[in-house]
Amino acid sequence: MLKIKFFSLQYKIMAFSLVIVLIPLILVSGFSYGKSTKVIEEKVSHSNLNTVQQIGENINFMLNDMKTSTLYLWQNKDLMSYFMVPSATIQSSQNYLLGAQKLVNSFVVFRPSIFSIYVQGMNGLVFDSASSANTITPEQESKLLSLRGEGQWIADVVEEYNHNEMRVFSYVKVLKNIDDLSSDLAILKINVAEQQISDIFKGKLLSGNSDFFIIDSDRNIISSLDKSKIGTKLNEDYDDPRLYQNGSGYFRSELNGKPYIQTYYNLSRPGWKLINLVPMDELFSDTKTIWNFTFYTVLGCFVVCLLMIVLFSHHVLSPLNLISRSMKELQKENFNVNIPIKGNDEIALIGTSFNRMSKRLRELINEVYTGRLKQKEAEIKVLQAQINPHFLYNTLDTIYWMCRMEKAFESSRLVQALSKLFRLSLNSGNDLTNVEQEIEHLKSYLIIQKKRYSIQFDIQVSSELQSSQVVKLVLQPLVENAIVHGIEKKGSGGTIRIQIDQEDGQLVYRISDDGIGADEAELLSLLNKVESANRGFGIKNVNDRIQLLFGPDYGLQFQTSPGHGMTVIVRQPLIQGGAHNDQNGIGR
């Protein structure tokens, strides 16, 4: 009994209705959640990237100010004159040291970002504006002299006057005699406290577990909010090849089993890079709210739909159950059974028909058949319906003008494109068309496809090739193949370029896309046999029609790079001339 009930019509309708409701509900909800989550992730990631870029620009400004300060001091003739004084004279008087210190100190006063300036003159005049312990090692001096006036960035440690160590960013440069660039006067070292740099991104943390740090070209951490990390190598878990791309960007990564967003920015100092780490669960906390809302919305819709389906099935199937019971009575040869009719829907019509059948059966039982009924075989001829093009155009034209009158201009534009697509496809039954008409046919197809896909199209053709004769319906199926099997599977839009040229007496199409590409051997096999109803047929059909008309020297070739797109090359003989097809169409 349970089995019979389970497979009853009521349960089937309920199950089928639930499937019809649930599948779209789950798909739409899942798609909406995924899409909204992706949009939020992109916006938050871009916002974080903009923040990192702004911080990087502020750091670059400070570093560039150090270089500018070096240039300013070098151009100060009064300061440079002290380093032109002979060593013996320097040793005999403190006035030169005091004078040089005064000029440098007066400059530092107006540069609060600079911690100190250390100068080591070739004539023995050496001092530091902050009275800190500053040195330039012989190796550093030798390297600076070899740079011929170019500056060098280093991450250094200096000792303050109170003997506390301070980490600094230093810009070191050899100052040459302006009048004699072959003469080295002094080595200048401008120091900015590392704390001054880290304070720039200190207030920009997006969450409690996020982090900023700067690494040098050797992947040593030279600045961080966590001072214990400074001077250490970059953790292998953070060291990703994508960090070392040019410019700035971000990517997802796994660190200690947790998903992170790593954002990077290349500083103006070659090899120095600003890196930001943010846990994804903290960066995209809003997506949890969307997930909860989506889940409870789907659950609520499911409960409401289930209740409505139960009520609907009961209301609809009650009359059917009555008809079923009446038919069982009829099987028992009770021909006096009659069903009360309510309403005028399809079930009421079934009940009316049942009553008529029951009445007719009663009449037939009382009739005495005196002869055999003649049987006659009817031969059914299946006619293939042929579409009348004029009827098709007139119908679409009617729809077009109705859309125009109802101000549905976008719909009228699509109807117009569809009409032109049909007209150019038929081409009065001819196998050949001209380049202009082939492009018109493709443009009509693209007008319709642009409503479905976010794809850019670029068509390039010389004006002298417009009248050249070509096989019809070649560009459209190849562009469709690029959309469906290249761009669409890529999932993020793309670009398709169509270029038409003449080469060595041939007319050449090049249809290029930046989709997922394909295996070239697989594509070539499609020219020999049909691999699938959706893909192989279109490619093989185009190739077969070209070779049927012009021979095996013409047809399709492929240039593909899996993951980076594909180019289809179509070769046909260059046939000049040919009349244009009728341009009359819908809406004209």
Protein backbone atom coordinates (compact mmCIF):
# COMPACT_ATOMS: atom_id res chain seq x y z
CA MET A 1 0.00 0.00 0.00
CA LEU A 2 2.85 2.33 0.86
CA LYS A 3 4.49 1.63 -2.48
CA ILE A 4 1.27 2.46 -4.36
CA LYS A 5 0.90 5.76 -2.49
CA PHE A 6 4.50 6.68 -3.07
CA PHE A 7 4.12 6.29 -6.81
CA SER A 8 0.69 7.90 -6.96
CA LEU A 9 0.13 10.89 -9.20
CA GLN A 10 -0.09 13.22 -6.23
CA TYR A 11 3.37 12.25 -4.98
CA LYS A 12 4.79 12.44 -8.48
CA ILE A 13 3.41 15.94 -8.98
CA MET A 14 4.72 17.02 -5.58
CA ALA A 15 8.16 15.56 -6.23
CA PHE A 16 8.35 17.00 -9.73
CA SER A 17 7.15 20.42 -8.55
CA LEU A 18 9.73 20.46 -5.77
CA VAL A 19 12.48 19.61 -8.23
CA ILE A 20 11.30 22.34 -10.62
CA VAL A 21 11.26 24.88 -7.78
CA LEU A 22 14.37 23.78 -5.91
CA ILE A 23 16.81 23.48 -8.80
CA PRO A 24 16.32 27.06 -10.12
CA LEU A 25 16.12 28.36 -6.55
CA ILE A 26 19.40 26.74 -5.56
CA LEU A 27 21.09 27.67 -8.84
CA VAL A 28 19.95 31.30 -8.76
CA SER A 29 20.77 31.65 -5.06
CA GLY A 30 24.15 30.00 -5.51
CA PHE A 31 24.94 32.14 -8.53
CA SER A 32 23.79 35.31 -6.75
CA TYR A 33 25.85 34.47 -3.68
CA GLY A 34 28.90 33.59 -5.73
CA LYS A 35 28.56 36.70 -7.88
CA SER A 36 27.99 39.06 -4.95
CA THR A 37 30.84 37.46 -3.00
CA LYS A 38 33.15 37.82 -5.97
CA VAL A 39 32.16 41.47 -6.44
CA ILE A 40 32.73 42.21 -2.75
CA GLU A 41 36.09 40.39 -2.80
CA GLU A 42 37.18 42.31 -5.89
CA LYS A 43 36.10 45.67 -4.49
CA VAL A 44 37.67 45.07 -1.07
CA SER A 45 40.86 43.71 -2.67
CA HIS A 46 41.08 46.70 -5.01
CA SER A 47 40.41 49.05 -2.11
CA ASN A 48 43.20 47.39 -0.13
CA LEU A 49 45.47 47.60 -3.19
CA ASN A 50 44.74 51.33 -3.48
CA THR A 51 45.61 51.74 0.21
CA VAL A 52 48.90 49.87 -0.24
CA GLN A 53 49.67 51.92 -3.37
CA GLN A 54 49.02 55.16 -1.46
CA ILE A 55 51.29 54.02 1.38
CA GLY A 56 53.94 53.05 -1.16
CA GLU A 57 53.71 56.44 -2.83
CA ASN A 58 54.13 58.16 0.54
CA ILE A 59 57.22 56.06 1.23
CA ASN A 60 58.54 56.83 -2.26
CA PHE A 61 57.98 60.52 -1.59
CA MET A 62 60.09 60.29 1.56
CA LEU A 63 62.84 58.34 -0.23
CA ASN A 64 62.82 60.76 -3.17
CA ASP A 65 63.03 63.66 -0.71
CA MET A 66 66.27 62.12 0.60
CA LYS A 67 67.69 62.09 -2.94
CA THR A 68 66.53 65.67 -3.51
CA SER A 69 68.16 66.73 -0.25
CA THR A 70 71.45 65.27 -1.46
CA LEU A 71 71.21 67.32 -4.66
CA TYR A 72 70.41 70.47 -2.69
CA LEU A 73 73.44 70.05 -0.40
CA TRP A 74 75.70 69.28 -3.37
CA GLN A 75 74.61 72.51 -5.05
CA ASN A 76 75.31 74.54 -1.88
CA LYS A 77 78.58 76.22 -2.84
CA ASP A 78 79.27 77.41 0.71
CA LEU A 79 79.07 73.85 2.04
CA MET A 80 81.12 72.39 -0.81
CA SER A 81 83.81 75.00 -0.28
CA TYR A 82 84.64 73.50 3.13
CA PHE A 83 85.54 70.19 1.48
CA MET A 84 87.90 71.92 -0.94
CA VAL A 85 90.06 73.17 1.94
CA PRO A 86 93.38 71.24 2.18
CA SER A 87 93.70 68.63 4.92
CA ALA A 88 96.52 70.48 6.67
CA THR A 89 94.38 73.61 6.99
CA ILE A 90 91.45 71.55 8.33
CA GLN A 91 93.66 70.11 11.07
CA SER A 92 94.82 73.54 12.17
CA SER A 93 91.40 75.10 12.82
CA GLN A 94 87.97 74.01 14.11
CA ASN A 95 86.24 76.85 12.26
CA TYR A 96 85.81 74.79 9.09
CA LEU A 97 84.15 71.91 10.99
CA LEU A 98 81.83 74.28 12.85
CA GLY A 99 80.93 76.14 9.67
CA ALA A 100 80.09 72.98 7.75
CA GLN A 101 78.07 71.59 10.68
CA LYS A 102 76.10 74.83 10.93
CA LEU A 103 75.08 74.70 7.27
CA VAL A 104 74.02 71.03 7.48
CA ASN A 105 72.19 71.49 10.81
CA SER A 106 70.27 74.49 9.46
CA PHE A 107 69.16 72.29 6.53
CA VAL A 108 68.08 69.39 8.78
CA VAL A 109 65.91 71.73 10.88
CA PHE A 110 63.54 72.15 7.92
CA ARG A 111 63.52 68.42 7.13
CA PRO A 112 61.77 66.75 10.12
CA SER A 113 61.73 63.39 8.32
CA ILE A 114 65.56 63.27 8.28
CA PHE A 115 67.11 61.78 11.42
CA SER A 116 70.69 62.77 10.65
CA ILE A 117 73.17 63.66 7.91
CA TYR A 118 76.66 62.19 8.06
CA VAL A 119 79.45 63.74 5.96
CA GLN A 120 82.89 62.24 5.43
CA GLY A 121 85.12 64.68 3.53
CA MET A 122 88.07 63.46 1.53
CA ASN A 123 90.08 66.23 3.24
CA GLY A 124 89.39 64.75 6.71
CA LEU A 125 86.36 66.91 7.57
CA VAL A 126 83.98 64.37 9.22
CA PHE A 127 80.82 65.05 11.28
CA ASP A 128 77.22 63.90 11.96
CA SER A 129 74.33 66.33 12.39
CA ALA A 130 72.79 64.26 15.21
CA SER A 131 76.10 63.46 16.92
CA SER A 132 75.35 59.77 16.36
CA ALA A 133 77.92 57.08 15.68
CA ASN A 134 77.92 56.83 11.89
CA THR A 135 80.46 55.06 9.75
CA ILE A 136 81.03 54.16 6.15
CA THR A 137 82.94 50.91 5.78
CA PRO A 138 85.85 50.66 3.36
CA GLU A 139 83.79 48.19 1.28
CA GLN A 140 80.92 50.69 1.06
CA GLU A 141 83.31 53.51 0.19
CA SER A 142 84.95 51.43 -2.55
CA LYS A 143 81.55 50.51 -4.04
CA LEU A 144 80.36 54.15 -3.92
CA LEU A 145 83.47 55.38 -5.71
CA SER A 146 82.93 52.76 -8.41
CA LEU A 147 79.38 54.04 -9.00
CA ARG A 148 80.81 57.33 -10.38
CA GLY A 149 78.45 59.67 -8.59
CA GLU A 150 75.38 57.41 -8.44
CA GLY A 151 73.73 57.07 -5.02
CA GLN A 152 73.11 53.85 -3.11
CA TRP A 153 70.26 52.86 -0.76
CA ILE A 154 71.08 50.76 2.29
CA ALA A 155 69.26 49.61 5.42
CA ASP A 156 71.64 50.42 8.26
CA VAL A 157 71.96 50.64 12.05
CA VAL A 158 73.40 53.75 13.73
CA GLU A 159 74.21 54.43 17.35
CA GLU A 160 72.64 57.49 18.91
CA TYR A 161 74.51 59.79 21.26
CA ASN A 162 72.93 57.93 24.21
CA HIS A 163 74.37 54.66 22.81
CA ASN A 164 70.97 53.28 21.77
CA GLU A 165 70.90 51.57 18.39
CA MET A 166 68.52 52.88 15.76
CA ARG A 167 67.58 51.25 12.46
CA VAL A 168 67.64 53.70 9.56
CA PHE A 169 67.20 53.89 5.82
CA SER A 170 70.26 55.58 4.35
CA TYR A 171 70.95 57.21 1.03
CA VAL A 172 74.71 57.41 0.43
CA LYS A 173 76.32 59.35 -2.40
CA VAL A 174 79.76 60.62 -3.37
CA LEU A 175 79.76 64.42 -3.79
CA LYS A 176 81.99 65.55 -6.64
CA ASN A 177 83.45 68.93 -7.42
CA ILE A 178 80.90 70.70 -9.63
CA ASP A 179 83.71 72.37 -11.54
CA ASP A 180 85.74 69.16 -11.84
CA LEU A 181 83.55 66.03 -11.83
CA SER A 182 86.61 63.80 -11.74
CA SER A 183 87.40 65.12 -8.24
CA ASP A 184 85.63 63.49 -5.24
CA LEU A 185 85.04 65.93 -2.36
CA ALA A 186 83.02 63.98 0.22
CA ILE A 187 80.71 61.07 0.95
CA LEU A 188 77.23 62.17 2.09
CA LYS A 189 74.92 59.84 4.04
CA ILE A 190 71.32 60.92 4.75
CA ASN A 191 69.54 58.80 7.39
CA VAL A 192 65.78 58.43 7.93
CA ALA A 193 64.64 56.43 10.96
CA GLU A 194 62.97 53.13 10.11
CA GLN A 195 60.27 54.08 12.63
CA GLN A 196 59.50 57.10 10.44
CA ILE A 197 58.79 54.71 7.55
CA SER A 198 56.78 52.15 9.54
CA ASP A 199 54.64 54.94 11.04
CA ILE A 200 53.29 55.58 7.53
CA PHE A 201 51.50 52.24 7.42
CA LYS A 202 50.95 51.85 11.16
CA GLY A 203 47.46 53.36 11.05
CA LYS A 204 46.44 51.57 7.84
CA LEU A 205 45.98 48.03 9.20
CA LEU A 206 42.65 46.62 8.00
CA SER A 207 42.42 44.06 10.82
CA GLY A 208 44.18 42.98 13.98
CA ASN A 209 45.98 40.12 12.24
CA SER A 210 47.12 42.00 9.15
CA ASP A 211 50.75 43.02 8.67
CA PHE A 212 52.94 45.39 6.63
CA PHE A 213 56.64 45.02 5.97
CA ILE A 214 59.32 46.06 3.45
CA ILE A 215 61.89 43.66 1.99
CA ASP A 216 65.07 44.42 0.05
CA SER A 217 66.42 42.74 -3.07
CA ASP A 218 67.91 39.92 -0.94
CA ARG A 219 64.46 39.25 0.64
CA ASN A 220 65.59 40.62 4.01
CA ILE A 221 62.91 42.40 6.05
CA ILE A 222 64.14 45.99 6.52
CA SER A 223 60.99 47.56 7.98
CA SER A 224 58.07 46.12 9.93
CA LEU A 225 55.65 46.96 12.72
CA ASP A 226 57.05 43.88 14.47
CA LYS A 227 60.60 45.08 15.12
CA SER A 228 61.77 41.55 15.94
CA LYS A 229 61.35 40.62 12.27
CA ILE A 230 63.66 43.38 11.00
CA GLY A 231 66.94 41.94 9.75
CA THR A 232 65.49 38.46 9.25
CA LYS A 233 64.80 36.65 5.98
CA LEU A 234 61.30 36.64 4.54
CA ASN A 235 59.38 33.60 5.81
CA GLU A 236 59.23 30.86 3.16
CA ASP A 237 55.45 30.66 3.63
CA TYR A 238 55.17 34.29 2.45
CA ASP A 239 57.73 33.95 -0.34
CA ASP A 240 55.62 33.54 -3.48
CA PRO A 241 56.94 34.02 -7.06
CA ARG A 242 53.98 36.29 -7.78
CA LEU A 243 55.43 38.84 -5.34
CA TYR A 244 58.26 39.59 -7.75
CA GLN A 245 56.17 40.78 -10.67
CA ASN A 246 56.51 44.37 -11.82
CA GLY A 247 54.29 47.15 -10.53
CA SER A 248 51.73 46.28 -7.88
CA GLY A 249 49.00 43.72 -7.39
CA TYR A 250 47.44 41.14 -5.12
CA PHE A 251 46.76 37.42 -5.02
CA ARG A 252 45.31 34.74 -2.75
CA SER A 253 47.63 32.43 -0.84
CA GLU A 254 47.61 29.83 1.93
CA LEU A 255 49.64 30.63 5.05
CA ASN A 256 49.61 28.09 7.88
CA GLY A 257 46.44 26.59 6.45
CA LYS A 258 44.56 29.92 6.39
CA PRO A 259 43.66 31.88 3.24
CA TYR A 260 45.28 35.30 2.95
CA ILE A 261 45.33 38.18 0.48
CA GLN A 262 48.91 39.25 -0.25
CA THR A 263 49.23 42.75 -1.71
CA TYR A 264 52.55 44.07 -2.99
CA TYR A 265 53.94 47.37 -4.29
CA ASN A 266 57.36 47.98 -5.86
CA LEU A 267 59.05 50.97 -4.24
CA SER A 268 61.20 53.41 -6.22
CA ARG A 269 64.34 51.85 -4.76
CA PRO A 270 65.13 48.90 -7.08
CA GLY A 271 64.48 45.60 -5.33
CA TRP A 272 62.60 47.09 -2.37
CA LYS A 273 59.01 45.94 -2.05
CA LEU A 274 56.15 46.86 0.29
CA ILE A 275 54.06 43.79 1.27
CA ASN A 276 50.71 43.63 3.07
CA LEU A 277 49.12 40.45 4.49
CA VAL A 278 45.42 40.33 5.43
CA PRO A 279 43.46 37.19 6.48
CA MET A 280 40.59 36.66 4.05
CA ASP A 281 38.08 35.86 6.79
CA GLU A 282 38.69 39.32 8.28
CA LEU A 283 38.91 41.16 4.97
CA PHE A 284 35.69 39.67 3.59
CA SER A 285 33.61 39.45 6.75
CA ASP A 286 30.61 40.91 4.86
CA THR A 287 30.35 37.74 2.78
CA LYS A 288 29.28 35.81 5.89
CA THR A 289 26.26 38.09 6.19
CA ILE A 290 25.41 37.46 2.54
CA TRP A 291 25.75 33.69 3.05
CA ASN A 292 23.42 33.73 6.08
CA PHE A 293 20.88 35.87 4.23
CA THR A 294 21.02 33.62 1.17
CA PHE A 295 20.70 30.42 3.22
CA TYR A 296 17.68 31.56 5.23
CA THR A 297 16.05 33.04 2.14
CA VAL A 298 16.37 29.72 0.30
CA LEU A 299 15.09 27.84 3.36
CA GLY A 300 12.09 30.16 3.72
CA CYS A 301 11.26 29.90 0.01
CA PHE A 302 11.50 26.11 0.22
CA VAL A 303 9.02 25.94 3.12
CA VAL A 304 6.56 28.28 1.38
CA CYS A 305 6.85 26.39 -1.91
CA LEU A 306 6.35 23.04 -0.16
CA LEU A 307 3.17 24.28 1.50
CA MET A 308 1.83 25.71 -1.77
CA ILE A 309 2.64 22.50 -3.67
CA VAL A 310 0.79 20.36 -1.10
CA LEU A 311 -2.29 22.60 -1.24
CA PHE A 312 -2.17 22.81 -5.03
CA SER A 313 -1.79 19.06 -5.55
CA HIS A 314 -4.69 18.36 -3.20
CA HIS A 315 -6.93 20.91 -4.92
CA VAL A 316 -6.09 19.70 -8.43
CA LEU A 317 -6.07 15.95 -7.79
CA SER A 318 -9.30 15.66 -5.79
CA PRO A 319 -11.45 15.74 -8.99
CA LEU A 320 -9.05 13.30 -10.65
CA ASN A 321 -9.45 10.89 -7.73
CA LEU A 322 -13.23 11.11 -8.21
CA ILE A 323 -12.81 10.30 -11.92
CA SER A 324 -10.53 7.38 -11.02
CA ARG A 325 -13.14 5.89 -8.68
CA SER A 326 -15.87 6.33 -11.31
CA MET A 327 -13.75 4.51 -13.90
CA LYS A 328 -13.36 1.57 -11.53
CA GLU A 329 -17.17 1.45 -11.27
CA LEU A 330 -17.32 1.46 -15.05
CA GLN A 331 -14.95 -1.52 -15.13
CA LYS A 332 -17.49 -3.34 -12.98
CA GLU A 333 -20.02 -2.78 -15.81
CA ASN A 334 -21.88 -0.12 -13.88
CA PHE A 335 -22.72 2.04 -16.87
CA ASN A 336 -25.07 4.30 -14.90
CA VAL A 337 -22.21 6.07 -13.13
CA ASN A 338 -22.17 9.85 -13.55
CA ILE A 339 -19.66 12.47 -12.35
CA PRO A 340 -20.83 15.87 -11.00
CA ILE A 341 -19.15 18.61 -13.04
CA LYS A 342 -17.75 21.75 -11.35
CA GLY A 343 -16.00 24.52 -13.25
CA ASN A 344 -14.84 24.56 -16.85
CA ASP A 345 -11.16 23.65 -16.68
CA GLU A 346 -9.43 20.67 -18.30
CA ILE A 347 -10.42 18.30 -15.49
CA ALA A 348 -14.06 19.36 -15.91
CA LEU A 349 -13.72 18.60 -19.63
CA ILE A 350 -12.41 15.13 -18.76
CA GLY A 351 -15.39 14.60 -16.46
CA THR A 352 -17.79 15.76 -19.18
CA SER A 353 -16.13 13.43 -21.67
CA PHE A 354 -16.39 10.56 -19.17
CA ASN A 355 -20.09 11.18 -18.72
CA ARG A 356 -20.60 11.23 -22.48
CA MET A 357 -18.59 8.05 -22.85
CA SER A 358 -20.65 6.33 -20.17
CA LYS A 359 -23.86 7.40 -21.86
CA ARG A 360 -22.62 6.26 -25.25
CA LEU A 361 -21.62 2.89 -23.84
CA ARG A 362 -25.11 2.44 -22.54
CA GLU A 363 -26.47 3.21 -26.01
CA LEU A 364 -24.02 0.89 -27.76
CA ILE A 365 -24.81 -2.03 -25.49
CA ASN A 366 -28.48 -1.72 -26.50
CA GLU A 367 -27.67 -1.58 -30.19
CA VAL A 368 -27.65 -4.69 -32.30
CA TYR A 369 -24.80 -4.64 -34.76
CA THR A 370 -25.93 -6.24 -38.03
CA GLY A 371 -22.72 -5.94 -39.92
CA ARG A 372 -19.08 -5.66 -39.63
CA LEU A 373 -17.52 -2.20 -39.53
CA LYS A 374 -15.55 -1.38 -42.60
CA GLN A 375 -11.90 -0.66 -41.98
CA LYS A 376 -9.92 1.42 -44.18
CA GLU A 377 -6.19 2.23 -44.11
CA ALA A 378 -5.22 5.87 -44.33
CA GLU A 379 -1.87 6.67 -45.88
CA ILE A 380 -0.27 9.69 -44.23
CA LYS A 381 2.09 11.64 -46.32
CA VAL A 382 4.64 13.60 -44.31
CA LEU A 383 5.29 16.94 -45.99
CA GLN A 384 8.35 18.90 -45.18
CA ALA A 385 7.26 22.37 -44.25
CA GLN A 386 9.05 24.98 -46.25
CA ILE A 387 9.52 28.42 -44.89
CA ASN A 388 8.40 31.22 -47.16
CA PRO A 389 11.11 33.91 -46.82
CA HIS A 390 8.69 36.72 -47.68
CA PHE A 391 6.29 35.53 -45.00
CA LEU A 392 9.20 35.38 -42.52
CA TYR A 393 10.42 38.91 -43.33
CA ASN A 394 6.89 40.34 -43.25
CA THR A 395 6.25 38.70 -39.88
CA LEU A 396 9.52 40.01 -38.40
CA ASP A 397 8.83 43.41 -39.92
CA THR A 398 5.46 43.45 -38.15
CA ILE A 399 7.14 42.54 -34.87
CA TYR A 400 9.81 45.19 -35.48
CA TRP A 401 7.30 48.03 -35.97
CA MET A 402 5.21 46.83 -33.02
CA CYS A 403 8.35 47.09 -30.86
CA ARG A 404 9.06 50.55 -32.25
CA MET A 405 5.52 51.72 -31.51
CA GLU A 406 5.80 50.33 -27.98
CA LYS A 407 9.17 52.08 -27.65
CA ALA A 408 10.95 48.78 -27.14
CA PHE A 409 13.86 50.04 -29.20
CA GLU A 410 16.39 47.49 -28.00
CA SER A 411 14.00 44.65 -28.87
CA SER A 412 13.32 46.16 -32.29
CA ARG A 413 17.06 46.38 -32.89
CA LEU A 414 17.45 42.66 -32.11
CA VAL A 415 14.51 41.74 -34.37
CA GLN A 416 16.07 43.80 -37.15
CA ALA A 417 19.41 42.01 -36.64
CA LEU A 418 17.65 38.61 -36.67
CA SER A 419 15.86 39.46 -39.92
CA LYS A 420 19.09 40.52 -41.58
CA LEU A 421 20.79 37.35 -40.26
CA PHE A 422 18.10 35.15 -41.90
CA ARG A 423 18.15 37.11 -45.15
CA LEU A 424 21.92 37.01 -45.53
CA SER A 425 22.02 33.31 -44.55
CA LEU A 426 19.60 32.37 -47.36
CA ASN A 427 21.42 34.56 -49.91
CA SER A 428 18.93 33.55 -52.62
CA GLY A 429 20.30 29.98 -52.49
CA ASN A 430 23.78 31.00 -53.68
CA ASP A 431 26.92 29.34 -52.27
CA LEU A 432 29.02 32.49 -52.73
CA THR A 433 28.61 35.98 -51.37
CA ASN A 434 30.98 38.93 -51.07
CA VAL A 435 33.12 40.08 -48.14
CA GLU A 436 30.84 43.02 -47.40
CA GLN A 437 27.77 40.79 -47.09
CA GLU A 438 29.69 38.21 -45.02
CA ILE A 439 30.72 40.95 -42.57
CA GLU A 440 27.15 42.30 -42.49
CA HIS A 441 25.94 38.79 -41.65
CA LEU A 442 28.54 38.55 -38.85
CA LYS A 443 27.63 41.99 -37.46
CA SER A 444 23.96 40.99 -37.28
CA TYR A 445 24.99 37.90 -35.34
CA LEU A 446 27.24 39.97 -33.01
CA ILE A 447 24.41 42.42 -32.24
CA ILE A 448 22.44 39.50 -30.82
CA GLN A 449 25.40 37.87 -29.03
CA LYS A 450 26.48 41.11 -27.35
CA LYS A 451 23.28 40.97 -25.32
CA ARG A 452 24.50 37.67 -23.80
CA TYR A 453 28.25 38.00 -23.49
CA SER A 454 30.65 40.71 -22.31
CA ILE A 455 32.91 40.43 -25.36
CA GLN A 456 34.73 43.04 -27.44
CA PHE A 457 34.95 42.59 -31.20
CA ASP A 458 37.45 44.16 -33.61
CA ILE A 459 36.91 43.75 -37.38
CA GLN A 460 39.63 44.94 -39.79
CA VAL A 461 39.19 44.71 -43.57
CA SER A 462 40.58 46.69 -46.48
CA SER A 463 38.00 48.60 -48.56
CA GLU A 464 39.29 47.05 -51.82
CA LEU A 465 38.36 43.58 -50.55
CA GLN A 466 34.70 44.42 -49.83
CA SER A 467 33.48 43.19 -53.22
CA SER A 468 35.62 40.01 -53.30
CA GLN A 469 33.66 36.77 -53.72
CA VAL A 470 33.83 34.30 -50.81
CA VAL A 471 32.03 31.22 -49.50
CA LYS A 472 29.05 32.33 -47.43
CA LEU A 473 28.50 31.51 -43.73
CA VAL A 474 32.18 31.12 -42.80
CA LEU A 475 32.87 33.89 -40.28
CA GLN A 476 29.75 33.42 -38.14
CA PRO A 477 30.24 29.73 -37.17
CA LEU A 478 33.96 30.30 -36.47
CA VAL A 479 33.23 33.33 -34.26
CA GLU A 480 30.51 31.32 -32.51
CA ASN A 481 33.05 28.53 -31.90
CA ALA A 482 35.47 31.10 -30.40
CA ILE A 483 32.73 32.43 -28.09
CA VAL A 484 31.31 29.10 -26.89
CA HIS A 485 34.53 27.07 -26.61
CA GLY A 486 37.05 29.82 -25.89
CA ILE A 487 35.72 33.00 -24.28
CA GLU A 488 32.69 31.53 -22.47
CA LYS A 489 34.74 28.77 -20.80
CA LYS A 490 37.25 31.39 -19.69
CA GLY A 491 34.44 32.97 -17.65
CA SER A 492 35.64 36.63 -17.52
CA GLY A 493 34.88 38.19 -20.93
CA GLY A 494 37.38 38.64 -23.70
CA THR A 495 38.18 39.99 -27.15
CA ILE A 496 37.73 38.50 -30.62
CA ARG A 497 39.59 40.04 -33.57
CA ILE A 498 38.68 39.40 -37.21
CA GLN A 499 41.28 40.46 -39.79
CA ILE A 500 40.74 40.07 -43.56
CA ASP A 501 43.75 40.50 -45.89
CA GLN A 502 45.05 39.29 -49.23
CA GLU A 503 48.25 37.23 -49.38
CA ASP A 504 49.82 35.78 -52.53
CA GLY A 505 46.59 35.86 -54.50
CA GLN A 506 44.57 34.45 -51.61
CA LEU A 507 41.89 35.98 -49.41
CA VAL A 508 42.77 35.22 -45.77
CA TYR A 509 40.57 35.43 -42.68
CA ARG A 510 42.17 35.47 -39.22
CA ILE A 511 39.79 34.96 -36.31
CA SER A 512 41.67 35.38 -33.00
CA ASP A 513 40.40 35.12 -29.42
CA ASP A 514 41.98 35.35 -25.98
CA GLY A 515 39.98 32.46 -24.52
CA ILE A 516 41.22 29.17 -23.04
CA GLY A 517 42.65 27.89 -26.33
CA ALA A 518 42.62 24.22 -27.38
CA ASP A 519 44.88 21.36 -28.35
CA GLU A 520 45.92 21.78 -32.01
CA ALA A 521 45.88 18.03 -32.70
CA GLU A 522 42.30 17.85 -31.43
CA LEU A 523 41.27 20.72 -33.72
CA LEU A 524 42.89 19.12 -36.76
CA SER A 525 41.08 15.86 -36.04
CA LEU A 526 37.79 17.76 -36.26
CA LEU A 527 38.53 18.50 -39.93
CA ASN A 528 38.55 14.76 -40.69
CA LYS A 529 35.51 13.62 -38.72
CA VAL A 530 32.69 15.10 -36.67
CA GLU A 531 33.67 14.91 -33.00
CA SER A 532 30.58 16.52 -31.47
CA ALA A 533 27.31 17.99 -32.54
CA ASN A 534 28.23 21.38 -31.14
CA ARG A 535 31.83 21.89 -32.12
CA GLY A 536 33.13 19.51 -34.75
CA PHE A 537 30.20 19.94 -37.12
CA GLY A 538 30.61 23.73 -37.54
CA ILE A 539 34.37 23.55 -38.15
CA LYS A 540 34.19 20.55 -40.48
CA ASN A 541 31.22 22.01 -42.39
CA VAL A 542 33.07 25.26 -43.11
CA ASN A 543 36.24 23.43 -44.18
CA ASP A 544 34.33 20.95 -46.38
CA ARG A 545 32.38 23.68 -48.21
CA ILE A 546 35.54 25.67 -48.99
CA GLN A 547 37.44 22.62 -50.25
CA LEU A 548 34.42 21.42 -52.23
CA LEU A 549 34.36 24.70 -54.17
CA PHE A 550 38.08 25.52 -54.43
CA GLY A 551 40.07 22.33 -53.79
CA PRO A 552 42.25 20.87 -50.99
CA ASP A 553 44.78 23.75 -51.11
CA TYR A 554 42.28 25.95 -49.32
CA GLY A 555 40.42 25.70 -46.01
CA LEU A 556 41.15 26.06 -42.29
CA GLN A 557 44.36 26.20 -40.26
CA PHE A 558 44.84 26.62 -36.51
CA GLN A 559 47.30 28.46 -34.28
CA THR A 560 46.55 27.77 -30.63
CA SER A 561 48.13 28.24 -27.24
CA PRO A 562 46.22 26.39 -24.48
CA GLY A 563 45.21 28.87 -21.81
CA HIS A 564 46.05 31.92 -23.96
CA GLY A 565 43.66 31.79 -26.91
CA MET A 566 43.48 30.55 -30.48
CA THR A 567 43.65 31.86 -34.05
CA VAL A 568 41.74 30.24 -36.93
CA ILE A 569 43.15 31.02 -40.41
CA VAL A 570 40.81 30.61 -43.40
CA ARG A 571 42.28 30.65 -46.92
CA GLN A 572 40.22 31.14 -50.11
CA PRO A 573 41.20 32.21 -53.61
CA LEU A 574 40.97 35.96 -54.20
CA ILE A 575 38.02 36.47 -56.58
CA GLN A 576 37.39 40.12 -57.38
CA GLY A 577 34.01 41.60 -58.36
CA GLY A 578 30.48 40.35 -57.81
CA ALA A 579 27.25 42.19 -57.36
CA HIS A 580 26.01 43.05 -53.92
CA ASN A 581 22.97 41.28 -52.61
CA ASP A 582 19.72 43.07 -52.05
CA GLN A 583 20.06 45.43 -49.10
CA ASN A 584 16.36 45.76 -48.41
CA GLY A 585 15.51 44.43 -45.01
CA ILE A 586 13.39 44.90 -42.00
CA GLY A 587 13.01 48.43 -40.69
CA ARG A 588 14.42 50.01 -43.91
